[in-house]
Amino acid sequence: MPTNTTLLEQTHSDYRMAQASPSVNRYAPLELQQAGVALARADASANDKDKPAKVDELAYLAKQKIALTQEVASRKMAEAEVLAGSKEADQLRLQQRSNEADAAKAKAAEAQQAALMAQSDAADAQRKTDEARRVAMEAQTRNMQLEAQLADLAAKKTDRGMVITLGDVLFGTDQARLTPEGMRTAQKLADVLQQNPQRKVLIEGFTDSTGSSAHNQELSDRRAESVRTALAGMGIGSDRVATKGYGEGYPVAANDTAQNRQMNRRVEIVLSDENGKIVQR
């Protein structure tokens, strides 16, 4: 019978456990093979019926190689786990840096968008400022031109606005027809209205107290209407011109002398504000 020892049986048991271990097969296959060769020598010695001491000596060597195999497998598995953990940590750090880079990129894009919006808002504000300045300058130019034209018409500033007075000498005696000089004055007024299309006028006729009230009322109406007709012939729309006759009402002087009565025989033209508003009596 082959020589059989307890140590040899234990070595076989250890070898079977090593063979069944996935970590040994993965991380220490060469060492397991060497342990198998050593165990085969011990088995050969047992089959040759060597003395138990000889068999145990070879079994001990095989058992040591099996233990070394398990140790190598354990060490390499631990190293692999550390390496895997390091790779995972590196991956986590890489992902964190990537997320931080993406966040920084998004923040930079938001800042750029905000800057573009601020730039656009500033440009819009500048355009509005420039437009307001242009409108103000145009209004100032129009006002200066208007003041010059009104000065040529001897306009006076009153509580009702600028008022142009057409004296009695600009009409035929006791008539509503404008004289050539009166027509030239009407043309100047038409030029003002054409250059200031937002403006309107109210033409008011007045007489002195000579004659009947009915005659004076009719004459004041006709004189005011005569000025409107002249302006219409010069291209001023009727919707911009209103008339009103007051007869001998609202005198500017006593009707006790010829000179004062002539002052009362007049046509007053009230110029509206820029919105077309005219203050009524």
Protein backbone atom coordinates (compact mmCIF):
# COMPACT_ATOMS: atom_id res chain seq x y z
CA MET A 1 0.00 0.00 0.00
CA PRO A 2 1.21 3.58 -0.68
CA THR A 3 2.57 5.44 2.28
CA ASN A 4 -0.15 7.74 3.61
CA THR A 5 0.32 10.43 6.21
CA THR A 6 -1.90 12.96 7.92
CA LEU A 7 0.21 15.84 6.63
CA LEU A 8 -0.17 14.60 3.04
CA GLU A 9 -3.95 14.48 3.43
CA GLN A 10 -4.00 18.01 4.88
CA THR A 11 -1.84 19.20 1.99
CA HIS A 12 -4.32 17.71 -0.51
CA SER A 13 -7.16 19.45 1.32
CA ASP A 14 -5.29 22.77 1.18
CA TYR A 15 -4.57 22.29 -2.53
CA ARG A 16 -8.25 21.63 -3.31
CA MET A 17 -9.26 24.81 -1.47
CA ALA A 18 -6.63 26.77 -3.38
CA GLN A 19 -7.86 25.33 -6.69
CA ALA A 20 -11.45 26.36 -5.79
CA SER A 21 -10.46 29.95 -4.97
CA PRO A 22 -11.27 32.47 -7.75
CA SER A 23 -8.67 34.89 -6.40
CA VAL A 24 -5.95 32.21 -6.58
CA ASN A 25 -6.90 31.26 -10.14
CA ARG A 26 -6.91 34.93 -11.14
CA TYR A 27 -3.92 36.33 -9.29
CA ALA A 28 -1.58 33.31 -8.60
CA PRO A 29 -2.03 30.66 -11.32
CA LEU A 30 1.74 30.11 -11.71
CA GLU A 31 2.25 29.65 -7.96
CA LEU A 32 -0.69 27.20 -7.88
CA GLN A 33 0.91 25.24 -10.69
CA GLN A 34 4.21 25.07 -8.80
CA ALA A 35 2.37 23.94 -5.66
CA GLY A 36 0.71 21.20 -7.71
CA VAL A 37 4.08 20.00 -8.97
CA ALA A 38 5.41 19.84 -5.37
CA LEU A 39 2.32 17.93 -4.28
CA ALA A 40 2.79 15.52 -7.15
CA ARG A 41 6.30 14.77 -5.90
CA ALA A 42 4.93 14.02 -2.42
CA ASP A 43 2.31 11.72 -3.99
CA ALA A 44 5.02 9.98 -6.02
CA SER A 45 7.05 9.40 -2.87
CA ALA A 46 3.96 7.97 -1.16
CA ASN A 47 3.28 5.69 -4.14
CA ASP A 48 6.88 4.49 -4.00
CA LYS A 49 6.20 3.49 -0.37
CA ASP A 50 8.92 5.74 0.96
CA LYS A 51 9.22 6.22 4.64
CA PRO A 52 6.62 8.55 6.21
CA ALA A 53 9.33 11.03 7.13
CA LYS A 54 10.30 11.35 3.47
CA VAL A 55 6.67 11.69 2.38
CA ASP A 56 5.97 14.33 5.07
CA GLU A 57 9.06 16.26 4.03
CA LEU A 58 7.82 16.52 0.46
CA ALA A 59 4.21 17.16 1.63
CA TYR A 60 5.49 19.96 3.87
CA LEU A 61 7.24 21.59 0.90
CA ALA A 62 4.03 21.33 -1.14
CA LYS A 63 1.99 22.72 1.75
CA GLN A 64 4.37 25.70 1.98
CA LYS A 65 4.02 26.36 -1.73
CA ILE A 66 0.21 26.23 -1.37
CA ALA A 67 0.40 28.73 1.49
CA LEU A 68 2.67 30.92 -0.64
CA THR A 69 0.15 30.67 -3.49
CA GLN A 70 -2.66 31.86 -1.23
CA GLU A 71 -0.50 34.66 0.14
CA VAL A 72 0.42 35.86 -3.36
CA ALA A 73 -3.21 35.73 -4.42
CA SER A 74 -4.30 37.71 -1.35
CA ARG A 75 -1.57 40.32 -1.87
CA LYS A 76 -2.27 40.78 -5.56
CA MET A 77 -6.01 40.96 -4.95
CA ALA A 78 -5.42 43.68 -2.33
CA GLU A 79 -3.20 45.57 -4.76
CA ALA A 80 -5.85 45.27 -7.42
CA GLU A 81 -8.48 46.58 -5.06
CA VAL A 82 -6.26 49.51 -4.12
CA LEU A 83 -5.59 50.19 -7.79
CA ALA A 84 -9.29 49.99 -8.58
CA GLY A 85 -10.03 52.32 -5.69
CA SER A 86 -7.38 54.71 -6.91
CA LYS A 87 -8.80 54.60 -10.41
CA GLU A 88 -12.28 55.22 -9.02
CA ALA A 89 -10.97 58.12 -6.95
CA ASP A 90 -9.15 59.48 -9.99
CA GLN A 91 -12.33 59.10 -12.00
CA LEU A 92 -14.31 60.89 -9.31
CA ARG A 93 -11.77 63.70 -9.20
CA LEU A 94 -11.79 63.90 -13.00
CA GLN A 95 -15.58 64.01 -13.02
CA GLN A 96 -15.57 66.69 -10.33
CA ARG A 97 -13.10 68.78 -12.29
CA SER A 98 -15.16 68.28 -15.43
CA ASN A 99 -18.28 69.41 -13.57
CA GLU A 100 -16.42 72.42 -12.19
CA ALA A 101 -15.18 73.27 -15.69
CA ASP A 102 -18.70 72.95 -17.08
CA ALA A 103 -20.05 75.15 -14.28
CA ALA A 104 -17.34 77.74 -14.91
CA LYS A 105 -18.07 77.62 -18.63
CA ALA A 106 -21.80 78.06 -18.02
CA LYS A 107 -21.11 80.92 -15.61
CA ALA A 108 -18.84 82.56 -18.17
CA ALA A 109 -21.55 82.16 -20.82
CA GLU A 110 -24.10 83.73 -18.46
CA ALA A 111 -21.72 86.59 -17.73
CA GLN A 112 -21.13 87.08 -21.45
CA GLN A 113 -24.87 87.06 -22.10
CA ALA A 114 -25.43 89.54 -19.27
CA ALA A 115 -22.67 91.73 -20.69
CA LEU A 116 -24.25 91.59 -24.14
CA MET A 117 -27.65 92.47 -22.67
CA ALA A 118 -26.13 95.31 -20.68
CA GLN A 119 -24.36 96.50 -23.83
CA SER A 120 -27.63 96.28 -25.76
CA ASP A 121 -29.49 98.14 -23.00
CA ALA A 122 -26.78 100.80 -22.95
CA ALA A 123 -27.01 101.11 -26.74
CA ASP A 124 -30.82 101.42 -26.51
CA ALA A 125 -30.48 104.03 -23.78
CA GLN A 126 -27.94 105.91 -25.87
CA ARG A 127 -30.23 105.76 -28.92
CA LYS A 128 -33.12 107.06 -26.83
CA THR A 129 -30.91 109.79 -25.42
CA ASP A 130 -29.71 110.72 -28.89
CA GLU A 131 -33.29 110.68 -30.20
CA ALA A 132 -34.50 112.82 -27.30
CA ARG A 133 -31.61 115.22 -27.90
CA ARG A 134 -32.40 115.34 -31.61
CA VAL A 135 -36.10 115.97 -30.94
CA ALA A 136 -35.21 118.66 -28.40
CA MET A 137 -32.82 120.32 -30.84
CA GLU A 138 -35.41 120.19 -33.62
CA ALA A 139 -38.00 121.67 -31.27
CA GLN A 140 -35.55 124.36 -30.22
CA THR A 141 -34.79 125.14 -33.87
CA ARG A 142 -38.48 125.29 -34.69
CA ASN A 143 -39.11 127.58 -31.73
CA MET A 144 -36.29 129.88 -32.76
CA GLN A 145 -37.59 130.00 -36.32
CA LEU A 146 -41.11 130.56 -35.04
CA GLU A 147 -39.97 133.37 -32.75
CA ALA A 148 -38.21 135.05 -35.67
CA GLN A 149 -41.29 134.73 -37.88
CA LEU A 150 -43.61 135.94 -35.16
CA ALA A 151 -41.30 138.88 -34.48
CA ASP A 152 -41.71 139.81 -38.16
CA LEU A 153 -45.48 139.70 -37.61
CA ALA A 154 -45.18 141.85 -34.46
CA ALA A 155 -46.73 139.05 -32.39
CA LYS A 156 -47.13 139.63 -28.68
CA LYS A 157 -47.02 137.07 -25.88
CA THR A 158 -50.22 137.03 -23.81
CA ASP A 159 -51.91 134.77 -21.26
CA ARG A 160 -53.59 133.05 -24.19
CA GLY A 161 -50.33 132.55 -26.09
CA MET A 162 -48.83 134.45 -29.02
CA VAL A 163 -51.27 136.93 -30.59
CA ILE A 164 -50.86 138.61 -33.99
CA THR A 165 -52.89 141.77 -34.54
CA LEU A 166 -54.06 142.87 -37.99
CA GLY A 167 -54.93 146.53 -37.75
CA ASP A 168 -57.74 148.37 -39.47
CA VAL A 169 -55.34 149.67 -42.15
CA LEU A 170 -55.00 146.12 -43.54
CA PHE A 171 -58.67 146.09 -44.57
CA GLY A 172 -60.64 148.33 -46.90
CA THR A 173 -62.50 151.13 -45.15
CA ASP A 174 -65.57 149.61 -43.48
CA GLN A 175 -64.92 146.45 -45.52
CA ALA A 176 -63.81 142.89 -44.91
CA ARG A 177 -61.51 142.66 -47.93
CA LEU A 178 -57.80 142.53 -47.12
CA THR A 179 -55.57 145.14 -48.70
CA PRO A 180 -52.41 144.06 -50.59
CA GLU A 181 -50.45 144.75 -47.41
CA GLY A 182 -52.96 142.67 -45.48
CA MET A 183 -52.51 139.79 -47.96
CA ARG A 184 -48.72 139.93 -47.49
CA THR A 185 -49.24 139.70 -43.74
CA ALA A 186 -51.60 136.75 -44.26
CA GLN A 187 -48.93 135.07 -46.41
CA LYS A 188 -46.38 135.42 -43.61
CA LEU A 189 -48.87 133.81 -41.26
CA ALA A 190 -49.47 131.02 -43.79
CA ASP A 191 -45.71 130.40 -43.95
CA VAL A 192 -45.63 130.06 -40.16
CA LEU A 193 -48.47 127.54 -40.20
CA GLN A 194 -46.95 125.51 -43.04
CA GLN A 195 -43.66 125.21 -41.20
CA ASN A 196 -45.44 124.34 -37.93
CA PRO A 197 -48.13 121.83 -38.97
CA GLN A 198 -49.07 121.05 -35.36
CA ARG A 199 -50.17 124.64 -34.77
CA LYS A 200 -53.68 126.01 -35.20
CA VAL A 201 -55.09 129.56 -35.11
CA LEU A 202 -58.21 131.29 -33.85
CA ILE A 203 -59.07 134.42 -35.82
CA GLU A 204 -61.11 136.96 -33.82
CA GLY A 205 -62.69 140.06 -35.39
CA PHE A 206 -63.40 143.34 -33.50
CA THR A 207 -64.86 146.75 -34.41
CA ASP A 208 -65.30 150.08 -32.73
CA SER A 209 -68.64 151.24 -31.29
CA THR A 210 -69.58 153.34 -34.34
CA GLY A 211 -72.68 152.03 -36.09
CA SER A 212 -75.26 149.52 -34.95
CA SER A 213 -74.37 146.45 -32.98
CA ALA A 214 -75.69 144.21 -35.76
CA HIS A 215 -73.52 145.94 -38.36
CA ASN A 216 -70.46 145.77 -36.12
CA GLN A 217 -71.06 142.07 -35.41
CA GLU A 218 -71.42 141.29 -39.10
CA LEU A 219 -68.30 143.26 -40.02
CA SER A 220 -66.20 141.53 -37.34
CA ASP A 221 -67.43 138.14 -38.55
CA ARG A 222 -66.67 138.94 -42.19
CA ARG A 223 -63.21 140.28 -41.47
CA ALA A 224 -62.28 137.17 -39.46
CA GLU A 225 -63.72 135.00 -42.24
CA SER A 226 -61.79 137.00 -44.87
CA VAL A 227 -58.50 136.11 -43.17
CA ARG A 228 -59.47 132.42 -43.05
CA THR A 229 -60.36 132.48 -46.74
CA ALA A 230 -56.99 134.05 -47.54
CA LEU A 231 -55.15 131.38 -45.52
CA ALA A 232 -57.14 128.61 -47.24
CA GLY A 233 -56.05 130.02 -50.62
CA MET A 234 -52.46 129.79 -49.37
CA GLY A 235 -52.76 126.07 -48.56
CA ILE A 236 -53.83 126.12 -44.91
CA GLY A 237 -56.56 123.56 -44.16
CA SER A 238 -59.83 124.83 -42.75
CA ASP A 239 -59.55 122.32 -39.88
CA ARG A 240 -56.62 124.35 -38.54
CA VAL A 241 -58.42 127.70 -38.61
CA ALA A 242 -61.36 128.82 -36.46
CA THR A 243 -63.06 132.24 -36.52
CA LYS A 244 -65.08 134.30 -34.07
CA GLY A 245 -66.55 137.80 -34.36
CA TYR A 246 -67.05 139.92 -31.25
CA GLY A 247 -68.34 143.12 -32.84
CA GLU A 248 -67.62 146.10 -30.60
CA GLY A 249 -66.83 143.84 -27.63
CA TYR A 250 -63.45 143.65 -25.90
CA PRO A 251 -62.14 147.11 -26.91
CA VAL A 252 -58.46 147.79 -26.32
CA ALA A 253 -59.06 151.56 -26.01
CA ALA A 254 -61.91 153.95 -25.31
CA ASN A 255 -64.04 154.76 -28.37
CA ASP A 256 -63.74 158.53 -27.71
CA THR A 257 -61.26 159.51 -30.41
CA ALA A 258 -60.61 158.53 -34.02
CA GLN A 259 -57.25 157.07 -33.09
CA ASN A 260 -58.71 154.95 -30.30
CA ARG A 261 -61.56 153.76 -32.50
CA GLN A 262 -59.03 152.68 -35.14
CA MET A 263 -57.18 150.63 -32.51
CA ASN A 264 -60.44 148.85 -31.68
CA ARG A 265 -61.03 147.99 -35.36
CA ARG A 266 -58.75 144.97 -35.60
CA VAL A 267 -58.39 141.25 -36.16
CA GLU A 268 -56.48 139.24 -33.57
CA ILE A 269 -54.98 135.88 -34.51
CA VAL A 270 -54.29 133.58 -31.53
CA LEU A 271 -51.63 130.92 -32.23
CA SER A 272 -52.09 127.54 -30.51
CA ASP A 273 -49.46 125.69 -28.51
CA GLU A 274 -47.54 122.73 -30.02
CA ASN A 275 -50.47 120.43 -29.22
CA GLY A 276 -52.95 122.58 -31.16
CA LYS A 277 -54.63 123.86 -28.00
CA ILE A 278 -55.98 127.42 -27.92
CA VAL A 279 -57.12 129.20 -24.77
CA GLN A 280 -60.59 130.62 -25.35
CA ARG A 281 -61.78 133.95 -24.02
